[in-house]
Amino acid sequence: MTWVTFLDVSTSEKPTTREAQRIATRERLFAAAVAEFKRTGVIGADVTAIVADAGVAHGTFFFHFPTKEHVVAELGQREEMRMAGDIDRFLAQPRDLSATLAEVIRQTALLERRVGTPLFKDMLALYFSPNRPELQPWMEHPLISRVIEEFQHAGDQGDIRTDDADPANSATFFFLGLFALLITHDRTASRNAVLEQYVTVLLRGLENR
């Protein structure tokens, strides 16, 4: 997965006027870029239109975001944090691994609705792009970390094998397969059936025999 570090403005120290202006400018640019990406896709997005919408000079965009892909990566990071919070609320209830994976798929579908299918597919494609911004290890990502823990929990309960199926690898395989299916299938009822079958086949291969 592809992430870049974005500014954490949740600090107890009040920012200076100049710093507050910088943060506000960056957020305007981020919002304008995301809106432009939703309209045109990332490749077709016009930085001139983005800076005009944000009311800043052309070079200001590249001061805050070296490339358009950095905006997409940050959007992915923000959305993953949102999804991790939603998954935490789901995990507070009784559940099994199948239900958890189905909930991750449901939350991913909600993300697609929020950002629109073209931008959603651009976000997924960036994970596999050689031009992606610098990566962090997958296990450091909150959503993936929770899914790894669920695979480990299912193994501890004896629901799946972990002797030859490491939980981290199982979670990685799940996300890789999920993203590939989401990129190659349009949002239809038939895609839902494919995703349901995918989870069934994945878990069947991990069953204790």
C-alpha atoms as a PDB file:
ATOM      1  CA  MET A   1       0.000   0.000   0.000  1.00  0.00           C
ATOM      2  CA  THR A   2       1.071   3.551  -0.575  1.00  0.00           C
ATOM      3  CA  TRP A   3       1.002   6.218   2.040  1.00  0.00           C
ATOM      4  CA  VAL A   4       2.711   9.495   2.774  1.00  0.00           C
ATOM      5  CA  THR A   5       2.761  11.198   6.124  1.00  0.00           C
ATOM      6  CA  PHE A   6       0.240  13.993   6.389  1.00  0.00           C
ATOM      7  CA  LEU A   7       0.185  16.793   8.893  1.00  0.00           C
ATOM      8  CA  ASP A   8      -1.435  16.091  12.225  1.00  0.00           C
ATOM      9  CA  VAL A   9      -3.174  19.314  13.213  1.00  0.00           C
ATOM     10  CA  SER A  10      -4.592  17.834  16.416  1.00  0.00           C
ATOM     11  CA  THR A  11      -2.090  19.449  18.756  1.00  0.00           C
ATOM     12  CA  SER A  12      -2.546  21.083  22.109  1.00  0.00           C
ATOM     13  CA  GLU A  13      -0.271  23.955  21.055  1.00  0.00           C
ATOM     14  CA  LYS A  14      -1.984  26.740  19.180  1.00  0.00           C
ATOM     15  CA  PRO A  15      -0.286  27.216  15.794  1.00  0.00           C
ATOM     16  CA  THR A  16       1.132  30.578  14.850  1.00  0.00           C
ATOM     17  CA  THR A  17      -0.827  32.700  12.399  1.00  0.00           C
ATOM     18  CA  ARG A  18       1.614  31.845   9.621  1.00  0.00           C
ATOM     19  CA  GLU A  19       1.464  28.128  10.390  1.00  0.00           C
ATOM     20  CA  ALA A  20      -2.334  28.228  10.574  1.00  0.00           C
ATOM     21  CA  GLN A  21      -2.414  29.895   7.161  1.00  0.00           C
ATOM     22  CA  ARG A  22      -0.089  27.244   5.745  1.00  0.00           C
ATOM     23  CA  ILE A  23      -2.302  24.464   7.107  1.00  0.00           C
ATOM     24  CA  ALA A  24      -5.425  26.141   5.735  1.00  0.00           C
ATOM     25  CA  THR A  25      -3.815  26.574   2.307  1.00  0.00           C
ATOM     26  CA  ARG A  26      -2.746  22.946   2.236  1.00  0.00           C
ATOM     27  CA  GLU A  27      -6.242  21.778   3.157  1.00  0.00           C
ATOM     28  CA  ARG A  28      -7.792  23.971   0.435  1.00  0.00           C
ATOM     29  CA  LEU A  29      -5.412  22.510  -2.101  1.00  0.00           C
ATOM     30  CA  PHE A  30      -6.105  18.984  -0.903  1.00  0.00           C
ATOM     31  CA  ALA A  31      -9.892  19.472  -1.132  1.00  0.00           C
ATOM     32  CA  ALA A  32      -9.628  21.142  -4.555  1.00  0.00           C
ATOM     33  CA  ALA A  33      -7.375  18.359  -5.862  1.00  0.00           C
ATOM     34  CA  VAL A  34      -9.682  15.603  -4.628  1.00  0.00           C
ATOM     35  CA  ALA A  35     -12.667  17.364  -6.228  1.00  0.00           C
ATOM     36  CA  GLU A  36     -10.775  17.667  -9.521  1.00  0.00           C
ATOM     37  CA  PHE A  37      -9.717  14.005  -9.379  1.00  0.00           C
ATOM     38  CA  LYS A  38     -13.343  12.987  -8.859  1.00  0.00           C
ATOM     39  CA  ARG A  39     -14.320  14.925 -11.980  1.00  0.00           C
ATOM     40  CA  THR A  40     -11.526  13.910 -14.322  1.00  0.00           C
ATOM     41  CA  GLY A  41      -9.476  11.119 -12.767  1.00  0.00           C
ATOM     42  CA  VAL A  42      -5.899  11.656 -11.658  1.00  0.00           C
ATOM     43  CA  ILE A  43      -4.233  11.474 -15.080  1.00  0.00           C
ATOM     44  CA  GLY A  44      -6.602  13.996 -16.620  1.00  0.00           C
ATOM     45  CA  ALA A  45      -6.577  16.363 -13.639  1.00  0.00           C
ATOM     46  CA  ASP A  46      -5.373  19.895 -14.375  1.00  0.00           C
ATOM     47  CA  VAL A  47      -3.185  21.454 -11.670  1.00  0.00           C
ATOM     48  CA  THR A  48      -4.081  24.882 -13.069  1.00  0.00           C
ATOM     49  CA  ALA A  49      -7.745  24.186 -12.298  1.00  0.00           C
ATOM     50  CA  ILE A  50      -6.839  22.917  -8.827  1.00  0.00           C
ATOM     51  CA  VAL A  51      -4.853  26.031  -7.835  1.00  0.00           C
ATOM     52  CA  ALA A  52      -7.506  28.300  -9.333  1.00  0.00           C
ATOM     53  CA  ASP A  53     -10.163  26.605  -7.228  1.00  0.00           C
ATOM     54  CA  ALA A  54      -7.952  26.879  -4.133  1.00  0.00           C
ATOM     55  CA  GLY A  55      -7.091  30.519  -4.893  1.00  0.00           C
ATOM     56  CA  VAL A  56      -3.303  30.099  -4.803  1.00  0.00           C
ATOM     57  CA  ALA A  57      -0.352  30.398  -7.177  1.00  0.00           C
ATOM     58  CA  HIS A  58       0.557  27.468  -9.426  1.00  0.00           C
ATOM     59  CA  GLY A  59       3.801  26.673  -7.613  1.00  0.00           C
ATOM     60  CA  THR A  60       2.020  26.480  -4.269  1.00  0.00           C
ATOM     61  CA  PHE A  61       0.555  23.112  -5.210  1.00  0.00           C
ATOM     62  CA  PHE A  62       3.975  21.544  -5.705  1.00  0.00           C
ATOM     63  CA  PHE A  63       5.272  23.145  -2.516  1.00  0.00           C
ATOM     64  CA  HIS A  64       2.722  21.098  -0.562  1.00  0.00           C
ATOM     65  CA  PHE A  65       2.401  18.050  -2.857  1.00  0.00           C
ATOM     66  CA  PRO A  66       5.382  17.029  -5.020  1.00  0.00           C
ATOM     67  CA  THR A  67       3.074  15.112  -7.389  1.00  0.00           C
ATOM     68  CA  LYS A  68      -0.616  14.489  -7.894  1.00  0.00           C
ATOM     69  CA  GLU A  69       0.026  10.954  -6.651  1.00  0.00           C
ATOM     70  CA  HIS A  70       0.984  12.367  -3.246  1.00  0.00           C
ATOM     71  CA  VAL A  71      -2.544  13.750  -2.906  1.00  0.00           C
ATOM     72  CA  VAL A  72      -4.013  10.356  -3.806  1.00  0.00           C
ATOM     73  CA  ALA A  73      -1.717   8.608  -1.326  1.00  0.00           C
ATOM     74  CA  GLU A  74      -2.722  11.002   1.448  1.00  0.00           C
ATOM     75  CA  LEU A  75      -6.393  10.542   0.620  1.00  0.00           C
ATOM     76  CA  GLY A  76      -5.843   6.804   0.949  1.00  0.00           C
ATOM     77  CA  GLN A  77      -4.161   7.276   4.307  1.00  0.00           C
ATOM     78  CA  ARG A  78      -6.963   9.445   5.640  1.00  0.00           C
ATOM     79  CA  GLU A  79      -9.592   7.046   4.401  1.00  0.00           C
ATOM     80  CA  GLU A  80      -7.797   4.063   5.914  1.00  0.00           C
ATOM     81  CA  MET A  81      -7.805   5.777   9.290  1.00  0.00           C
ATOM     82  CA  ARG A  82     -11.541   6.433   8.932  1.00  0.00           C
ATOM     83  CA  MET A  83     -12.169   2.808   7.957  1.00  0.00           C
ATOM     84  CA  ALA A  84     -10.059   1.521  10.840  1.00  0.00           C
ATOM     85  CA  GLY A  85     -12.261   3.475  13.262  1.00  0.00           C
ATOM     86  CA  ASP A  86     -15.391   1.976  11.688  1.00  0.00           C
ATOM     87  CA  ILE A  87     -13.874  -1.511  11.877  1.00  0.00           C
ATOM     88  CA  ASP A  88     -13.034  -0.967  15.558  1.00  0.00           C
ATOM     89  CA  ARG A  89     -16.710  -0.352  16.261  1.00  0.00           C
ATOM     90  CA  PHE A  90     -17.593  -3.501  14.334  1.00  0.00           C
ATOM     91  CA  LEU A  91     -15.012  -5.562  16.228  1.00  0.00           C
ATOM     92  CA  ALA A  92     -16.577  -4.561  19.540  1.00  0.00           C
ATOM     93  CA  GLN A  93     -19.384  -7.034  18.697  1.00  0.00           C
ATOM     94  CA  PRO A  94     -19.255 -10.845  18.579  1.00  0.00           C
ATOM     95  CA  ARG A  95     -18.039 -11.892  15.110  1.00  0.00           C
ATOM     96  CA  ASP A  96     -16.070 -14.497  13.197  1.00  0.00           C
ATOM     97  CA  LEU A  97     -13.356 -14.012  10.588  1.00  0.00           C
ATOM     98  CA  SER A  98     -15.767 -14.365   7.684  1.00  0.00           C
ATOM     99  CA  ALA A  99     -17.950 -11.584   9.051  1.00  0.00           C
ATOM    100  CA  THR A 100     -14.923  -9.346   9.612  1.00  0.00           C
ATOM    101  CA  LEU A 101     -13.689  -9.776   6.054  1.00  0.00           C
ATOM    102  CA  ALA A 102     -17.200  -9.106   4.750  1.00  0.00           C
ATOM    103  CA  GLU A 103     -17.275  -5.897   6.801  1.00  0.00           C
ATOM    104  CA  VAL A 104     -13.929  -4.794   5.373  1.00  0.00           C
ATOM    105  CA  ILE A 105     -15.356  -5.335   1.891  1.00  0.00           C
ATOM    106  CA  ARG A 106     -18.491  -3.383   2.833  1.00  0.00           C
ATOM    107  CA  GLN A 107     -16.419  -0.488   4.174  1.00  0.00           C
ATOM    108  CA  THR A 108     -14.332  -0.511   1.005  1.00  0.00           C
ATOM    109  CA  ALA A 109     -17.507  -0.293  -1.078  1.00  0.00           C
ATOM    110  CA  LEU A 110     -18.581   2.714   1.000  1.00  0.00           C
ATOM    111  CA  LEU A 111     -15.223   4.332   0.242  1.00  0.00           C
ATOM    112  CA  GLU A 112     -15.858   3.819  -3.465  1.00  0.00           C
ATOM    113  CA  ARG A 113     -19.196   5.602  -3.123  1.00  0.00           C
ATOM    114  CA  ARG A 114     -17.577   8.493  -1.220  1.00  0.00           C
ATOM    115  CA  VAL A 115     -14.856   9.212  -3.753  1.00  0.00           C
ATOM    116  CA  GLY A 116     -16.458   7.876  -6.939  1.00  0.00           C
ATOM    117  CA  THR A 117     -15.388   4.881  -8.993  1.00  0.00           C
ATOM    118  CA  PRO A 118     -12.765   6.609 -11.224  1.00  0.00           C
ATOM    119  CA  LEU A 119     -10.812   8.068  -8.284  1.00  0.00           C
ATOM    120  CA  PHE A 120     -11.326   4.879  -6.267  1.00  0.00           C
ATOM    121  CA  LYS A 121      -9.705   2.806  -9.021  1.00  0.00           C
ATOM    122  CA  ASP A 122      -6.891   5.342  -9.306  1.00  0.00           C
ATOM    123  CA  MET A 123      -6.279   4.927  -5.568  1.00  0.00           C
ATOM    124  CA  LEU A 124      -6.107   1.153  -5.902  1.00  0.00           C
ATOM    125  CA  ALA A 125      -3.940   1.300  -9.026  1.00  0.00           C
ATOM    126  CA  LEU A 126      -1.450   3.505  -7.184  1.00  0.00           C
ATOM    127  CA  TYR A 127      -0.742   0.651  -4.760  1.00  0.00           C
ATOM    128  CA  PHE A 128       0.736  -1.319  -7.671  1.00  0.00           C
ATOM    129  CA  SER A 129       2.392   1.582  -9.507  1.00  0.00           C
ATOM    130  CA  PRO A 130       6.185   1.974  -9.797  1.00  0.00           C
ATOM    131  CA  ASN A 131       5.590   5.739  -9.505  1.00  0.00           C
ATOM    132  CA  ARG A 132       3.958   5.507  -6.085  1.00  0.00           C
ATOM    133  CA  PRO A 133       5.302   7.673  -3.252  1.00  0.00           C
ATOM    134  CA  GLU A 134       7.604   6.012  -0.760  1.00  0.00           C
ATOM    135  CA  LEU A 135       5.977   3.101   1.043  1.00  0.00           C
ATOM    136  CA  GLN A 136       5.663   2.165   4.669  1.00  0.00           C
ATOM    137  CA  PRO A 137       5.448  -1.539   5.639  1.00  0.00           C
ATOM    138  CA  TRP A 138       1.891  -2.834   5.324  1.00  0.00           C
ATOM    139  CA  MET A 139       1.792  -4.034   8.909  1.00  0.00           C
ATOM    140  CA  GLU A 140       2.047  -0.420  10.126  1.00  0.00           C
ATOM    141  CA  HIS A 141      -1.292   0.461   8.566  1.00  0.00           C
ATOM    142  CA  PRO A 142      -4.181   0.486  11.046  1.00  0.00           C
ATOM    143  CA  LEU A 143      -6.754  -1.292   8.893  1.00  0.00           C
ATOM    144  CA  ILE A 144      -4.363  -4.032   7.823  1.00  0.00           C
ATOM    145  CA  SER A 145      -3.105  -4.427  11.384  1.00  0.00           C
ATOM    146  CA  ARG A 146      -6.645  -5.107  12.555  1.00  0.00           C
ATOM    147  CA  VAL A 147      -7.202  -7.712   9.849  1.00  0.00           C
ATOM    148  CA  ILE A 148      -3.912  -9.419  10.749  1.00  0.00           C
ATOM    149  CA  GLU A 149      -5.084  -9.573  14.364  1.00  0.00           C
ATOM    150  CA  GLU A 150      -8.362 -11.135  13.247  1.00  0.00           C
ATOM    151  CA  PHE A 151      -6.530 -13.837  11.291  1.00  0.00           C
ATOM    152  CA  GLN A 152      -4.371 -14.480  14.361  1.00  0.00           C
ATOM    153  CA  HIS A 153      -7.436 -14.617  16.616  1.00  0.00           C
ATOM    154  CA  ALA A 154      -9.149 -17.092  14.282  1.00  0.00           C
ATOM    155  CA  GLY A 155      -6.008 -19.229  14.365  1.00  0.00           C
ATOM    156  CA  ASP A 156      -5.847 -19.092  18.159  1.00  0.00           C
ATOM    157  CA  GLN A 157      -9.475 -20.251  18.255  1.00  0.00           C
ATOM    158  CA  GLY A 158      -8.644 -23.172  15.965  1.00  0.00           C
ATOM    159  CA  ASP A 159     -10.884 -21.885  13.172  1.00  0.00           C
ATOM    160  CA  ILE A 160      -8.065 -21.672  10.625  1.00  0.00           C
ATOM    161  CA  ARG A 161      -4.531 -23.021  10.238  1.00  0.00           C
ATOM    162  CA  THR A 162      -1.612 -20.802  11.185  1.00  0.00           C
ATOM    163  CA  ASP A 163       1.179 -23.386  11.149  1.00  0.00           C
ATOM    164  CA  ASP A 164       1.779 -22.943   7.418  1.00  0.00           C
ATOM    165  CA  ALA A 165      -0.293 -19.780   6.888  1.00  0.00           C
ATOM    166  CA  ASP A 166       1.172 -16.774   8.690  1.00  0.00           C
ATOM    167  CA  PRO A 167      -1.587 -14.303   9.706  1.00  0.00           C
ATOM    168  CA  ALA A 168       0.301 -11.348   8.194  1.00  0.00           C
ATOM    169  CA  ASN A 169       0.668 -13.171   4.884  1.00  0.00           C
ATOM    170  CA  SER A 170      -2.975 -14.243   4.932  1.00  0.00           C
ATOM    171  CA  ALA A 171      -4.071 -10.634   5.471  1.00  0.00           C
ATOM    172  CA  THR A 172      -1.768  -9.487   2.668  1.00  0.00           C
ATOM    173  CA  PHE A 173      -3.204 -12.095   0.290  1.00  0.00           C
ATOM    174  CA  PHE A 174      -6.718 -11.014   1.249  1.00  0.00           C
ATOM    175  CA  PHE A 175      -6.081  -7.343   0.460  1.00  0.00           C
ATOM    176  CA  LEU A 176      -4.142  -8.032  -2.735  1.00  0.00           C
ATOM    177  CA  GLY A 177      -6.918 -10.229  -4.064  1.00  0.00           C
ATOM    178  CA  LEU A 178      -9.602  -7.799  -2.942  1.00  0.00           C
ATOM    179  CA  PHE A 179      -7.956  -4.818  -4.632  1.00  0.00           C
ATOM    180  CA  ALA A 180      -7.334  -6.755  -7.835  1.00  0.00           C
ATOM    181  CA  LEU A 181     -10.994  -7.792  -8.008  1.00  0.00           C
ATOM    182  CA  LEU A 182     -12.179  -4.241  -7.302  1.00  0.00           C
ATOM    183  CA  ILE A 183      -9.968  -2.845 -10.067  1.00  0.00           C
ATOM    184  CA  THR A 184     -11.088  -5.385 -12.665  1.00  0.00           C
ATOM    185  CA  HIS A 185     -14.817  -5.569 -11.814  1.00  0.00           C
ATOM    186  CA  ASP A 186     -17.331  -2.759 -12.048  1.00  0.00           C
ATOM    187  CA  ARG A 187     -19.685  -2.033  -9.168  1.00  0.00           C
ATOM    188  CA  THR A 188     -22.534  -4.427  -9.929  1.00  0.00           C
ATOM    189  CA  ALA A 189     -24.468  -7.199  -8.251  1.00  0.00           C
ATOM    190  CA  SER A 190     -22.258  -9.722 -10.044  1.00  0.00           C
ATOM    191  CA  ARG A 191     -19.176  -8.172  -8.427  1.00  0.00           C
ATOM    192  CA  ASN A 192     -20.751  -8.674  -5.015  1.00  0.00           C
ATOM    193  CA  ALA A 193     -21.175 -12.355  -5.809  1.00  0.00           C
ATOM    194  CA  VAL A 194     -17.542 -12.617  -6.930  1.00  0.00           C
ATOM    195  CA  LEU A 195     -16.322 -10.967  -3.708  1.00  0.00           C
ATOM    196  CA  GLU A 196     -18.468 -13.252  -1.582  1.00  0.00           C
ATOM    197  CA  GLN A 197     -17.078 -16.286  -3.396  1.00  0.00           C
ATOM    198  CA  TYR A 198     -13.542 -14.910  -2.968  1.00  0.00           C
ATOM    199  CA  VAL A 199     -13.869 -14.811   0.822  1.00  0.00           C
ATOM    200  CA  THR A 200     -15.383 -18.302   0.861  1.00  0.00           C
ATOM    201  CA  VAL A 201     -12.548 -19.777  -1.210  1.00  0.00           C
ATOM    202  CA  LEU A 202      -9.871 -17.931   0.789  1.00  0.00           C
ATOM    203  CA  LEU A 203     -11.162 -19.196   4.124  1.00  0.00           C
ATOM    204  CA  ARG A 204     -11.765 -22.702   2.811  1.00  0.00           C
ATOM    205  CA  GLY A 205      -8.087 -22.912   1.953  1.00  0.00           C
ATOM    206  CA  LEU A 206      -7.223 -22.048   5.562  1.00  0.00           C
ATOM    207  CA  GLU A 207      -9.591 -24.492   7.226  1.00  0.00           C
ATOM    208  CA  ASN A 208      -8.174 -27.003   9.684  1.00  0.00           C
ATOM    209  CA  ARG A 209      -8.413 -30.482   8.251  1.00  0.00           C
END
